[in-house]
Amino acid sequence: LVKYTQANGVTPLFRIEPLNDWGVTDEIISKNKEAAKKGTPWLNGQYMAYPSNMKAYLAFVRDIVERYDGDGKEDMPGLKEPILLWEVLNEFDTRWLGPAKTLTQVFVDVKRTITGACPKAKLMHGGISFPALFAMRDGFIDRDYWFWDGTPVKPTQAVKSALGARMWKLIKASFEVPPGTFDYMNFHLYGGW
């Protein structure tokens, strides 16, 4: 896939998440199997938490960055240009099941590992799923309702729900990392705004 995209003048963006069996606990694996039966959390995505084997997870991160960093050491055969931008934990605000402090620790450890393997590499903040929800709450977007778990509700109801409160806690925690942890920000705006 990397060869194909680069042959067509496109630089891929990799997303790194601890979704391997060695990357999550048996509890998360079980929750993902149950969620898949229901089509949740969002569009059949997968829940995440602090890796059950952080050492193995960071070794995986280091190896994948090394494969695509273009430094001539253990690079992918035929790599045309280095891949320097990495996204970690996409849409963590709806998918992270661990404590907020473990979320921020993953961000810090992954940044250290990525730049250790490739000093030129940049880290993109994992995409925030529903920033529009909080913009509606604060009056920046005028919308009477929001579809929350398939049900139309007022934005204030969604924000005050247990899931909305948890999302906001995780989003705030994701910015409580040392300066320089993230080089780019990623928001996802869904719907007809």
Protein backbone atom coordinates (compact mmCIF):
# COMPACT_ATOMS: atom_id res chain seq x y z
CA LEU A 1 0.00 0.00 0.00
CA VAL A 2 2.84 2.41 0.82
CA LYS A 3 4.52 1.66 -2.54
CA TYR A 4 1.22 2.23 -4.35
CA THR A 5 0.43 5.51 -2.64
CA GLN A 6 3.95 6.85 -3.08
CA ALA A 7 3.98 5.79 -6.74
CA ASN A 8 0.89 7.97 -7.14
CA GLY A 9 2.40 10.99 -5.40
CA VAL A 10 0.61 10.51 -2.07
CA THR A 11 2.31 10.34 1.31
CA PRO A 12 0.39 8.09 3.68
CA LEU A 13 -0.44 9.01 7.27
CA PHE A 14 -0.19 6.10 9.68
CA ARG A 15 -2.44 5.74 12.70
CA ILE A 16 -1.01 3.82 15.64
CA GLU A 17 -3.26 2.17 18.22
CA PRO A 18 -2.80 -0.65 20.76
CA LEU A 19 -5.33 -3.06 19.27
CA ASN A 20 -3.26 -6.25 19.04
CA ASP A 21 -4.01 -9.02 21.54
CA TRP A 22 -0.75 -8.18 23.33
CA GLY A 23 -1.70 -4.51 23.29
CA VAL A 24 -4.95 -4.73 25.23
CA THR A 25 -6.32 -6.65 28.17
CA ASP A 26 -8.66 -9.62 27.94
CA GLU A 27 -11.39 -7.31 29.26
CA ILE A 28 -10.98 -4.94 26.29
CA ILE A 29 -10.90 -7.84 23.83
CA SER A 30 -14.16 -9.11 25.34
CA LYS A 31 -15.76 -5.63 25.20
CA ASN A 32 -14.72 -5.26 21.56
CA LYS A 33 -16.32 -8.61 20.69
CA GLU A 34 -19.55 -7.58 22.42
CA ALA A 35 -19.48 -4.14 20.81
CA ALA A 36 -18.97 -5.65 17.36
CA LYS A 37 -22.16 -7.68 17.80
CA LYS A 38 -24.04 -4.42 18.49
CA GLY A 39 -22.22 -2.30 15.89
CA THR A 40 -20.68 -0.03 18.53
CA PRO A 41 -18.91 2.06 19.75
CA TRP A 42 -19.01 4.14 16.56
CA LEU A 43 -19.24 2.53 13.16
CA ASN A 44 -17.95 -0.73 14.63
CA GLY A 45 -14.74 0.88 15.92
CA GLN A 46 -12.72 -0.71 18.67
CA TYR A 47 -12.25 0.26 22.28
CA MET A 48 -8.73 0.90 23.56
CA ALA A 49 -6.96 1.19 26.88
CA TYR A 50 -3.42 1.32 28.22
CA PRO A 51 -1.47 -1.50 26.53
CA SER A 52 -1.28 -4.65 28.59
CA ASN A 53 2.37 -4.97 27.54
CA MET A 54 3.68 -1.43 27.08
CA LYS A 55 7.21 -2.63 26.35
CA ALA A 56 5.98 -4.78 23.43
CA TYR A 57 3.70 -2.00 22.20
CA LEU A 58 6.50 0.57 22.15
CA ALA A 59 8.81 -1.93 20.42
CA PHE A 60 6.12 -2.31 17.74
CA VAL A 61 5.87 1.49 17.41
CA ARG A 62 9.65 1.83 17.16
CA ASP A 63 9.90 -0.93 14.53
CA ILE A 64 7.15 0.49 12.34
CA VAL A 65 8.60 4.01 12.47
CA GLU A 66 12.05 2.62 11.68
CA ARG A 67 10.66 0.76 8.65
CA TYR A 68 9.33 3.96 7.09
CA ASP A 69 11.74 6.67 8.31
CA GLY A 70 13.96 6.63 5.19
CA ASP A 71 17.27 6.62 7.07
CA GLY A 72 18.61 3.58 5.17
CA LYS A 73 18.48 1.36 8.26
CA GLU A 74 15.84 -1.41 8.16
CA ASP A 75 13.73 0.63 5.71
CA MET A 76 10.96 -0.81 3.60
CA PRO A 77 12.38 -1.93 0.24
CA GLY A 78 11.40 0.61 -2.41
CA LEU A 79 10.50 3.38 0.04
CA LYS A 80 10.52 6.60 -2.05
CA GLU A 81 10.28 9.13 0.75
CA PRO A 82 10.14 8.92 4.51
CA ILE A 83 6.88 8.89 6.40
CA LEU A 84 7.31 11.47 9.12
CA LEU A 85 3.77 12.15 10.37
CA TRP A 86 2.12 9.70 12.77
CA GLU A 87 -1.31 9.82 14.40
CA VAL A 88 -1.79 8.14 17.75
CA LEU A 89 -5.10 6.88 19.21
CA ASN A 90 -7.68 8.08 16.70
CA GLU A 91 -11.02 9.14 18.23
CA PHE A 92 -9.83 8.27 21.71
CA ASP A 93 -12.57 10.43 23.22
CA THR A 94 -15.21 7.79 22.45
CA ARG A 95 -13.02 4.68 22.48
CA TRP A 96 -10.61 4.98 25.44
CA LEU A 97 -11.73 2.87 28.39
CA GLY A 98 -8.86 3.49 30.76
CA PRO A 99 -8.22 6.34 33.17
CA ALA A 100 -7.37 9.72 31.62
CA LYS A 101 -3.86 9.68 33.12
CA THR A 102 -3.04 6.46 31.24
CA LEU A 103 -4.20 8.11 28.01
CA THR A 104 -1.75 10.98 28.45
CA GLN A 105 1.03 8.55 29.38
CA VAL A 106 0.53 6.69 26.09
CA PHE A 107 0.80 9.97 24.16
CA VAL A 108 4.05 10.90 25.95
CA ASP A 109 5.61 7.43 25.61
CA VAL A 110 4.68 7.11 21.93
CA LYS A 111 6.10 10.57 21.14
CA ARG A 112 9.37 9.66 22.89
CA THR A 113 9.54 6.34 21.02
CA ILE A 114 8.72 7.83 17.61
CA THR A 115 11.26 10.64 17.86
CA GLY A 116 13.81 8.23 19.32
CA ALA A 117 13.53 6.13 16.16
CA CYS A 118 13.28 9.14 13.83
CA PRO A 119 14.16 12.61 15.19
CA LYS A 120 12.41 14.29 12.24
CA ALA A 121 9.10 12.52 12.92
CA LYS A 122 6.03 14.48 13.98
CA LEU A 123 3.10 13.33 16.09
CA MET A 124 -0.52 14.19 15.35
CA HIS A 125 -3.00 14.38 18.21
CA GLY A 126 -5.53 11.56 17.84
CA GLY A 127 -8.65 12.83 16.14
CA ILE A 128 -11.34 14.18 18.44
CA SER A 129 -14.62 12.58 17.36
CA PHE A 130 -17.20 15.22 18.17
CA PRO A 131 -15.75 18.69 18.68
CA ALA A 132 -18.96 20.11 17.21
CA LEU A 133 -20.88 18.83 20.23
CA PHE A 134 -18.93 21.13 22.52
CA ALA A 135 -19.07 23.99 20.00
CA MET A 136 -22.87 23.69 20.02
CA ARG A 137 -22.90 23.65 23.82
CA ASP A 138 -20.87 26.87 23.86
CA GLY A 139 -23.04 28.57 21.22
CA PHE A 140 -20.55 28.53 18.33
CA ILE A 141 -22.75 26.30 16.19
CA ASP A 142 -26.50 26.86 16.15
CA ARG A 143 -28.20 23.50 16.19
CA ASP A 144 -31.31 22.46 18.09
CA TYR A 145 -30.45 18.79 18.36
CA TRP A 146 -27.74 16.23 18.01
CA PHE A 147 -28.09 12.53 17.27
CA TRP A 148 -26.64 10.79 20.30
CA ASP A 149 -26.53 7.01 20.09
CA GLY A 150 -29.15 7.26 17.34
CA THR A 151 -31.55 9.45 19.33
CA PRO A 152 -32.09 13.18 18.72
CA VAL A 153 -31.18 15.12 21.88
CA LYS A 154 -30.28 18.69 22.72
CA PRO A 155 -26.51 19.28 22.74
CA THR A 156 -26.63 20.18 26.43
CA GLN A 157 -28.19 16.78 27.19
CA ALA A 158 -25.46 14.94 25.27
CA VAL A 159 -22.66 16.92 26.92
CA LYS A 160 -24.12 16.27 30.38
CA SER A 161 -24.58 12.55 29.76
CA ALA A 162 -22.09 10.11 31.28
CA LEU A 163 -20.48 9.56 27.87
CA GLY A 164 -20.33 13.29 27.12
CA ALA A 165 -18.72 14.03 30.48
CA ARG A 166 -16.19 11.23 29.95
CA MET A 167 -15.39 12.48 26.44
CA TRP A 168 -14.76 15.99 27.75
CA LYS A 169 -12.53 14.65 30.54
CA LEU A 170 -10.44 12.68 28.04
CA ILE A 171 -10.20 15.61 25.61
CA LYS A 172 -9.00 17.94 28.38
CA ALA A 173 -6.52 15.32 29.61
CA SER A 174 -5.12 14.92 26.11
CA PHE A 175 -3.93 18.53 26.27
CA GLU A 176 -2.33 18.08 29.69
CA VAL A 177 0.84 16.66 28.18
CA PRO A 178 4.28 18.28 28.09
CA PRO A 179 4.69 21.00 25.45
CA GLY A 180 5.94 19.56 22.18
CA THR A 181 4.22 16.20 22.61
CA PHE A 182 2.01 16.98 19.62
CA ASP A 183 3.02 18.73 16.43
CA TYR A 184 -0.38 18.67 14.71
CA MET A 185 -4.02 18.63 15.80
CA ASN A 186 -6.84 16.58 14.30
CA PHE A 187 -10.57 17.29 14.68
CA HIS A 188 -13.35 15.35 12.97
CA LEU A 189 -16.37 17.38 11.92
CA TYR A 190 -19.26 15.09 11.05
CA GLY A 191 -22.66 16.17 9.79
CA GLY A 192 -24.08 19.04 7.77
CA TRP A 193 -22.69 22.15 9.38
